[in-house]
């Protein structure tokens, strides 16, 4: 049987884009006749190793094996020294899980992970690992460069800057941006208006995502206030603070802060909008160089035009001819980008197939099979 064992240090169910990306990838592996087993830590109070809970949370019907593994470690349980506690717990859990469950994997068995420590411990086994790399870190940089010559590791990078940074062999690496699940958009009946929308966490890695800049733009521009701005995302504390700022500046008739919404509600809001916004702070290297935001693909699939802060990562996005860029913290350029984008014609539906997750899953499977034909440690896909 064609099979992938997907091991992650993420927790489920969760409301993060990363957890959604993982489950969406698994959904389309299963759709392409790959049997999947998902292993993850029960490290949060709400963590549950239940297929039914995951299916309900993420709105999927696909069957796959779910194995929630006990996590008697400090991360997720204590609030202090989070970064250090995360790294220590991640390291210990990864080593323990690999040696307990996969000490002697079958020859050619295929594993899929985004965890550098899972990658490290699996690399010592007689198996094939597909490592999906979304960003850099000091630990990841050290481990990937240490393991880069291992022929049993295949690399999937989120953008070309990441592949160039790690300098992996061309025959064992591929660049695949994120994608969209077209089924999320079935039966949407929102009527479009000339509104703007931002979807995503209001802070990232403990840093604010510069959403206050959007409020400043609306405060300074009569032209912008003609168009409603919808802001969707959490945490709720950040959403409440943002709402307070909007009310204080007298912008409540133009800017609407919704906090977190369900997936269905969010898609409905996207489909009812005209322009999607990509914004962040250049203080974060991942956002500046390496991001491939899920919401960008949802904006496109929802028939939106996009205005984005002018970062190298945004210049690498597929179909970036649909993006109108503005310089960071430049109010005039943002207003001009919005006005130009309002007048632009959105994508035709025929172009959507290239950015959907089924196409992405097929490319990963094809990449693994091609590696097998070229004589590398073969994944049995």
Protein backbone atom coordinates (compact mmCIF):
# COMPACT_ATOMS: atom_id res chain seq x y z
CA UNK A 1 0.00 0.00 0.00
CA UNK A 2 1.24 3.52 -0.81
CA UNK A 3 1.77 5.22 2.52
CA UNK A 4 3.18 8.34 4.19
CA UNK A 5 3.79 8.70 7.91
CA UNK A 6 3.37 12.39 8.73
CA UNK A 7 5.08 13.37 12.01
CA UNK A 8 4.80 16.89 13.38
CA UNK A 9 5.36 18.81 16.61
CA UNK A 10 2.21 20.81 15.88
CA UNK A 11 -0.87 20.25 18.01
CA UNK A 12 -4.43 19.50 16.84
CA UNK A 13 -7.08 20.75 16.70
CA UNK A 14 -5.84 24.33 16.40
CA UNK A 15 -6.84 27.57 14.70
CA UNK A 16 -3.43 28.35 13.18
CA UNK A 17 -2.65 28.59 9.48
CA UNK A 18 0.13 26.03 9.99
CA UNK A 19 -2.25 23.40 11.36
CA UNK A 20 -4.68 24.07 8.50
CA UNK A 21 -1.85 23.69 5.97
CA UNK A 22 -0.87 20.31 7.45
CA UNK A 23 -4.41 18.89 7.44
CA UNK A 24 -5.09 20.26 3.94
CA UNK A 25 -1.94 18.60 2.61
CA UNK A 26 -2.97 15.31 4.20
CA UNK A 27 -6.45 15.63 2.71
CA UNK A 28 -5.06 15.81 -0.80
CA UNK A 29 -2.48 13.07 -0.25
CA UNK A 30 -5.41 10.84 0.68
CA UNK A 31 -7.35 12.05 -2.37
CA UNK A 32 -4.40 10.90 -4.48
CA UNK A 33 -4.55 7.36 -3.04
CA UNK A 34 -1.82 7.79 -0.44
CA UNK A 35 -2.51 6.20 2.93
CA UNK A 36 -1.51 8.65 5.70
CA UNK A 37 -0.75 8.22 9.40
CA UNK A 38 -0.50 11.45 11.44
CA UNK A 39 1.58 11.52 14.65
CA UNK A 40 1.58 14.63 16.84
CA UNK A 41 1.99 15.56 20.54
CA UNK A 42 -0.91 16.05 22.92
CA UNK A 43 0.83 19.13 24.28
CA UNK A 44 -2.07 21.56 24.72
CA UNK A 45 -5.07 21.24 27.01
CA UNK A 46 -7.34 21.01 23.99
CA UNK A 47 -5.19 18.53 22.06
CA UNK A 48 -7.06 15.40 21.01
CA UNK A 49 -5.89 12.38 19.03
CA UNK A 50 -9.28 11.91 17.40
CA UNK A 51 -9.96 11.68 13.68
CA UNK A 52 -13.58 12.75 14.23
CA UNK A 53 -12.51 15.92 16.07
CA UNK A 54 -10.01 16.80 13.33
CA UNK A 55 -12.58 16.14 10.60
CA UNK A 56 -15.06 18.43 12.33
CA UNK A 57 -12.54 21.19 13.08
CA UNK A 58 -11.19 21.34 9.52
CA UNK A 59 -14.35 20.38 7.61
CA UNK A 60 -12.96 17.27 5.91
CA UNK A 61 -14.29 13.75 5.30
CA UNK A 62 -11.07 11.89 4.42
CA UNK A 63 -10.01 8.94 6.56
CA UNK A 64 -6.46 8.58 7.84
CA UNK A 65 -4.81 7.23 10.96
CA UNK A 66 -4.50 9.71 13.82
CA UNK A 67 -2.08 9.04 16.66
CA UNK A 68 -1.94 11.65 19.40
CA UNK A 69 1.19 10.92 21.44
CA UNK A 70 1.50 11.76 25.14
CA UNK A 71 3.61 14.80 25.92
CA UNK A 72 4.91 14.90 29.51
CA UNK A 73 7.08 17.92 28.81
CA UNK A 74 6.96 21.59 29.85
CA UNK A 75 6.08 23.26 26.52
CA UNK A 76 2.37 24.05 26.41
CA UNK A 77 2.14 23.71 30.19
CA UNK A 78 4.21 26.61 31.54
CA UNK A 79 4.19 30.24 30.48
CA UNK A 80 7.80 31.29 31.15
CA UNK A 81 10.86 31.00 28.87
CA UNK A 82 8.64 29.79 26.03
CA UNK A 83 11.31 29.79 23.34
CA UNK A 84 13.83 27.76 25.35
CA UNK A 85 11.16 25.42 26.68
CA UNK A 86 9.87 24.86 23.13
CA UNK A 87 13.28 23.83 21.79
CA UNK A 88 14.04 21.49 24.70
CA UNK A 89 10.60 19.85 24.61
CA UNK A 90 10.66 19.57 20.80
CA UNK A 91 14.06 17.85 20.90
CA UNK A 92 13.15 15.36 23.65
CA UNK A 93 9.71 14.50 22.22
CA UNK A 94 11.08 13.98 18.71
CA UNK A 95 13.81 11.60 19.84
CA UNK A 96 11.45 9.68 22.09
CA UNK A 97 8.73 9.28 19.41
CA UNK A 98 11.12 8.12 16.69
CA UNK A 99 12.82 5.59 18.93
CA UNK A 100 9.56 4.31 20.45
CA UNK A 101 7.46 3.98 17.29
CA UNK A 102 9.92 3.92 14.40
CA UNK A 103 13.13 2.43 15.74
CA UNK A 104 13.24 -0.06 12.87
CA UNK A 105 11.18 1.35 9.98
CA UNK A 106 10.61 -0.82 6.95
CA UNK A 107 13.09 -0.26 4.15
CA UNK A 108 11.82 2.47 1.83
CA UNK A 109 9.16 3.62 4.31
CA UNK A 110 8.27 7.27 3.66
CA UNK A 111 8.03 9.96 6.33
CA UNK A 112 6.87 13.54 5.90
CA UNK A 113 7.74 16.28 8.41
CA UNK A 114 8.26 19.99 8.93
CA UNK A 115 10.24 19.39 12.13
CA UNK A 116 14.03 19.61 11.94
CA UNK A 117 14.38 17.38 15.02
CA UNK A 118 12.11 14.71 13.55
CA UNK A 119 14.26 14.97 10.41
CA UNK A 120 17.44 14.57 12.46
CA UNK A 121 16.33 11.45 14.34
CA UNK A 122 14.78 9.84 11.25
CA UNK A 123 17.91 10.49 9.19
CA UNK A 124 19.67 7.80 11.22
CA UNK A 125 17.10 5.20 10.10
CA UNK A 126 16.77 3.21 6.88
CA UNK A 127 13.89 5.21 5.47
CA UNK A 128 13.05 8.10 3.15
CA UNK A 129 12.15 11.52 4.57
CA UNK A 130 10.36 14.36 2.80
CA UNK A 131 11.24 17.52 4.71
CA UNK A 132 9.00 20.52 4.05
CA UNK A 133 10.88 23.70 4.97
CA UNK A 134 8.93 26.91 5.62
CA UNK A 135 11.55 29.12 7.25
CA UNK A 136 15.05 29.34 8.68
CA UNK A 137 16.23 29.18 12.29
CA UNK A 138 19.60 28.69 13.97
CA UNK A 139 18.79 25.08 14.91
CA UNK A 140 17.33 24.27 11.48
CA UNK A 141 20.26 25.85 9.67
CA UNK A 142 22.72 23.73 11.66
CA UNK A 143 20.80 20.45 11.22
CA UNK A 144 19.91 20.84 7.53
CA UNK A 145 23.51 21.68 6.61
CA UNK A 146 24.69 18.70 8.64
CA UNK A 147 22.26 16.37 6.83
CA UNK A 148 22.24 17.90 3.37
CA UNK A 149 24.34 15.12 1.83
CA UNK A 150 22.05 12.34 3.04
CA UNK A 151 20.57 10.76 -0.10
CA UNK A 152 17.45 9.59 1.75
CA UNK A 153 16.22 13.18 2.39
CA UNK A 154 14.04 15.06 -0.11
CA UNK A 155 13.44 18.78 0.44
CA UNK A 156 10.25 20.73 -0.31
CA UNK A 157 10.84 24.48 0.05
CA UNK A 158 8.11 27.09 0.32
CA UNK A 159 9.92 29.52 -1.97
CA UNK A 160 13.08 29.77 -4.04
CA UNK A 161 14.89 32.02 -1.55
CA UNK A 162 14.77 29.17 0.97
CA UNK A 163 16.23 26.67 -1.50
CA UNK A 164 19.01 29.09 -2.44
CA UNK A 165 19.73 29.75 1.24
CA UNK A 166 20.21 26.04 2.02
CA UNK A 167 21.90 25.16 -1.32
CA UNK A 168 20.37 21.69 -1.50
CA UNK A 169 21.01 19.42 -4.51
CA UNK A 170 18.62 20.15 -7.37
CA UNK A 171 17.67 16.49 -7.81
CA UNK A 172 16.54 16.25 -4.17
CA UNK A 173 14.76 19.57 -3.76
CA UNK A 174 11.70 21.29 -5.15
CA UNK A 175 10.04 24.67 -4.62
CA UNK A 176 6.29 24.51 -3.96
CA UNK A 177 4.38 27.49 -2.60
CA UNK A 178 1.31 27.01 -0.47
CA UNK A 179 -2.02 26.52 -2.19
CA UNK A 180 -5.75 26.75 -1.75
CA UNK A 181 -8.39 24.12 -1.03
CA UNK A 182 -11.05 24.80 -3.69
CA UNK A 183 -13.68 22.90 -1.71
CA UNK A 184 -13.59 25.64 0.93
CA UNK A 185 -15.24 27.89 -1.66
CA UNK A 186 -18.14 25.64 -2.61
CA UNK A 187 -21.63 27.07 -2.13
CA UNK A 188 -20.48 30.59 -1.32
CA UNK A 189 -23.05 33.20 -2.23
CA UNK A 190 -21.55 36.44 -0.92
CA UNK A 191 -22.26 39.51 -3.01
CA UNK A 192 -19.09 41.44 -3.82
CA UNK A 193 -18.62 45.07 -2.88
CA UNK A 194 -15.63 47.39 -3.10
CA UNK A 195 -14.33 46.39 0.34
CA UNK A 196 -10.82 45.53 1.55
CA UNK A 197 -10.02 42.55 3.75
CA UNK A 198 -7.13 41.37 5.90
CA UNK A 199 -7.20 37.77 7.16
CA UNK A 200 -4.60 36.34 9.51
CA UNK A 201 -3.11 36.46 12.97
CA UNK A 202 -2.83 40.01 14.26
CA UNK A 203 0.57 39.19 15.71
CA UNK A 204 3.27 36.75 14.61
CA UNK A 205 6.05 35.26 16.76
CA UNK A 206 5.17 37.77 19.49
CA UNK A 207 5.43 40.74 17.13
CA UNK A 208 2.52 42.90 15.92
CA UNK A 209 1.84 42.64 12.16
CA UNK A 210 1.63 46.38 11.54
CA UNK A 211 -2.17 46.41 11.26
CA UNK A 212 -2.13 49.82 12.95
CA UNK A 213 -0.68 51.14 9.69
CA UNK A 214 -3.98 50.33 7.95
CA UNK A 215 -5.89 52.30 10.57
CA UNK A 216 -3.51 55.25 10.13
CA UNK A 217 -4.13 55.17 6.38
CA UNK A 218 -7.90 55.26 6.88
CA UNK A 219 -7.56 58.09 9.38
CA UNK A 220 -5.58 60.17 6.88
CA UNK A 221 -7.56 59.44 3.70
CA UNK A 222 -11.09 60.49 2.75
CA UNK A 223 -10.66 58.35 -0.39
CA UNK A 224 -10.03 55.14 1.57
CA UNK A 225 -13.02 55.68 3.82
CA UNK A 226 -15.23 55.13 0.79
CA UNK A 227 -14.28 51.44 1.05
CA UNK A 228 -15.06 49.20 4.02
CA UNK A 229 -12.05 47.47 5.64
CA UNK A 230 -12.65 44.05 7.22
CA UNK A 231 -10.04 42.69 9.66
CA UNK A 232 -10.37 39.02 10.61
CA UNK A 233 -8.06 37.25 13.04
CA UNK A 234 -6.90 36.81 16.61
CA UNK A 235 -5.81 36.48 19.30
CA UNK A 236 -8.91 38.05 20.79
CA UNK A 237 -6.85 40.35 23.02
CA UNK A 238 -5.23 41.91 19.93
CA UNK A 239 -8.60 42.15 18.18
CA UNK A 240 -10.11 43.95 21.19
CA UNK A 241 -7.20 46.41 21.31
CA UNK A 242 -7.56 47.06 17.60
CA UNK A 243 -11.30 47.62 17.93
CA UNK A 244 -10.66 50.09 20.75
CA UNK A 245 -8.24 52.03 18.53
CA UNK A 246 -10.75 52.08 15.65
CA UNK A 247 -13.49 53.44 17.92
CA UNK A 248 -11.18 56.00 19.51
CA UNK A 249 -10.27 57.38 16.08
CA UNK A 250 -13.92 57.54 14.98
CA UNK A 251 -13.50 54.98 12.18
CA UNK A 252 -16.11 52.42 13.25
CA UNK A 253 -18.25 53.14 10.19
CA UNK A 254 -15.36 52.21 7.86
CA UNK A 255 -13.27 49.59 9.70
CA UNK A 256 -14.78 46.39 11.08
CA UNK A 257 -12.72 44.14 13.39
CA UNK A 258 -14.27 40.66 13.63
CA UNK A 259 -11.69 38.76 15.65
CA UNK A 260 -11.50 35.05 14.84
CA UNK A 261 -14.26 33.60 12.68
CA UNK A 262 -14.98 30.06 11.57
CA UNK A 263 -13.45 28.89 8.30
CA UNK A 264 -16.83 29.12 6.61
CA UNK A 265 -17.47 32.65 7.86
CA UNK A 266 -13.99 33.75 6.82
CA UNK A 267 -14.37 32.39 3.28
CA UNK A 268 -17.74 34.15 2.98
CA UNK A 269 -16.10 37.45 4.00
CA UNK A 270 -13.28 36.91 1.50
CA UNK A 271 -15.69 36.16 -1.35
CA UNK A 272 -17.66 39.31 -0.57
CA UNK A 273 -14.59 41.53 -0.84
CA UNK A 274 -12.75 43.19 -3.72
CA UNK A 275 -9.18 43.53 -2.41
CA UNK A 276 -7.08 41.28 -0.16
CA UNK A 277 -4.25 42.79 1.88
CA UNK A 278 -0.83 41.25 2.64
CA UNK A 279 0.96 43.20 5.34
CA UNK A 280 3.56 42.49 8.00
CA UNK A 281 6.63 43.91 9.66
CA UNK A 282 10.06 43.70 8.02
CA UNK A 283 11.50 42.99 11.49
CA UNK A 284 10.51 39.37 10.91
CA UNK A 285 12.91 37.64 8.51
CA UNK A 286 10.42 34.90 7.64
CA UNK A 287 7.77 37.40 6.57
CA UNK A 288 10.31 39.51 4.67
CA UNK A 289 12.03 36.71 2.71
CA UNK A 290 10.34 33.35 2.99
CA UNK A 291 6.58 33.50 3.54
CA UNK A 292 3.99 32.01 1.18
CA UNK A 293 0.74 32.96 2.94
CA UNK A 294 -2.28 30.67 2.70
CA UNK A 295 -4.53 33.72 2.69
CA UNK A 296 -2.93 34.98 -0.53
CA UNK A 297 -4.15 31.90 -2.41
CA UNK A 298 -7.56 32.21 -0.79
CA UNK A 299 -7.74 35.84 -1.89
CA UNK A 300 -7.01 34.81 -5.48
CA UNK A 301 -9.46 31.92 -5.44
CA UNK A 302 -12.12 34.20 -4.00
CA UNK A 303 -11.72 36.47 -7.04
CA UNK A 304 -9.92 39.27 -5.20
CA UNK A 305 -7.17 41.57 -6.36
CA UNK A 306 -4.26 41.90 -3.93
CA UNK A 307 -2.28 44.80 -2.50
CA UNK A 308 0.89 43.78 -0.69
CA UNK A 309 3.79 45.35 1.09
CA UNK A 310 6.83 45.22 -1.19
CA UNK A 311 8.90 42.38 0.30
CA UNK A 312 11.07 39.88 -1.60
CA UNK A 313 8.81 37.05 -0.38
CA UNK A 314 5.75 38.68 -1.93
CA UNK A 315 7.62 39.23 -5.20
CA UNK A 316 8.17 35.44 -5.38
CA UNK A 317 4.49 34.51 -5.05
CA UNK A 318 2.81 32.75 -7.99
CA UNK A 319 0.69 35.04 -10.18
CA UNK A 320 2.35 38.07 -8.64
CA UNK A 321 1.20 40.07 -11.63
CA UNK A 322 -2.12 40.21 -9.72
CA UNK A 323 -0.42 42.10 -6.87
CA UNK A 324 -0.07 45.89 -6.62
CA UNK A 325 2.79 46.67 -4.24
CA UNK A 326 3.38 49.50 -1.78
CA UNK A 327 6.43 50.41 0.30
CA UNK A 328 6.39 49.64 4.00
CA UNK A 329 4.68 52.38 6.06
CA UNK A 330 4.10 54.55 2.97
CA UNK A 331 0.54 55.87 3.29
CA UNK A 332 0.42 57.51 -0.14
CA UNK A 333 1.60 54.37 -1.95
CA UNK A 334 -0.93 52.24 -0.07
CA UNK A 335 -3.80 54.54 -1.03
CA UNK A 336 -2.64 54.59 -4.67
CA UNK A 337 -2.36 50.78 -4.68
CA UNK A 338 -5.94 50.44 -3.39
CA UNK A 339 -7.35 52.85 -5.96
CA UNK A 340 -5.54 51.06 -8.80
CA UNK A 341 -6.58 47.65 -7.50
CA UNK A 342 -10.26 48.63 -7.32
CA UNK A 343 -10.11 49.22 -11.08
CA UNK A 344 -8.28 45.97 -11.91
CA UNK A 345 -9.98 42.93 -13.43
CA UNK A 346 -9.72 39.79 -11.20
CA UNK A 347 -8.44 36.37 -12.27
CA UNK A 348 -10.44 34.11 -14.55
CA UNK A 349 -11.47 30.82 -12.94
CA UNK A 350 -9.53 28.81 -15.52
CA UNK A 351 -6.29 29.98 -13.86
CA UNK A 352 -7.15 28.64 -10.41
CA UNK A 353 -6.06 25.03 -10.97
CA UNK A 354 -2.36 25.90 -10.82
CA UNK A 355 -2.67 27.16 -7.22
CA UNK A 356 -4.86 24.46 -5.68
CA UNK A 357 -3.71 21.89 -3.13
CA UNK A 358 -4.55 18.90 -5.30
CA UNK A 359 -2.00 20.13 -7.86
CA UNK A 360 0.50 20.70 -5.04
CA UNK A 361 0.02 17.15 -3.66
CA UNK A 362 0.46 15.66 -7.14
CA UNK A 363 3.73 17.58 -7.57
CA UNK A 364 5.11 16.27 -4.27
CA UNK A 365 4.18 12.70 -5.20
CA UNK A 366 5.65 13.14 -8.69
CA UNK A 367 8.82 14.64 -7.25
CA UNK A 368 9.27 11.66 -4.91
CA UNK A 369 8.71 9.17 -7.74
CA UNK A 370 11.19 10.99 -9.97
CA UNK A 371 13.78 10.83 -7.18
CA UNK A 372 13.20 7.08 -7.02
CA UNK A 373 13.78 6.69 -10.76
CA UNK A 374 17.04 8.59 -10.44
CA UNK A 375 18.34 6.03 -7.98
CA UNK A 376 17.95 7.78 -4.65
CA UNK A 377 16.57 6.01 -1.61
CA UNK A 378 13.12 5.24 -3.03
CA UNK A 379 9.89 6.39 -1.46
CA UNK A 380 7.28 3.79 -2.29
CA UNK A 381 4.69 6.26 -3.61
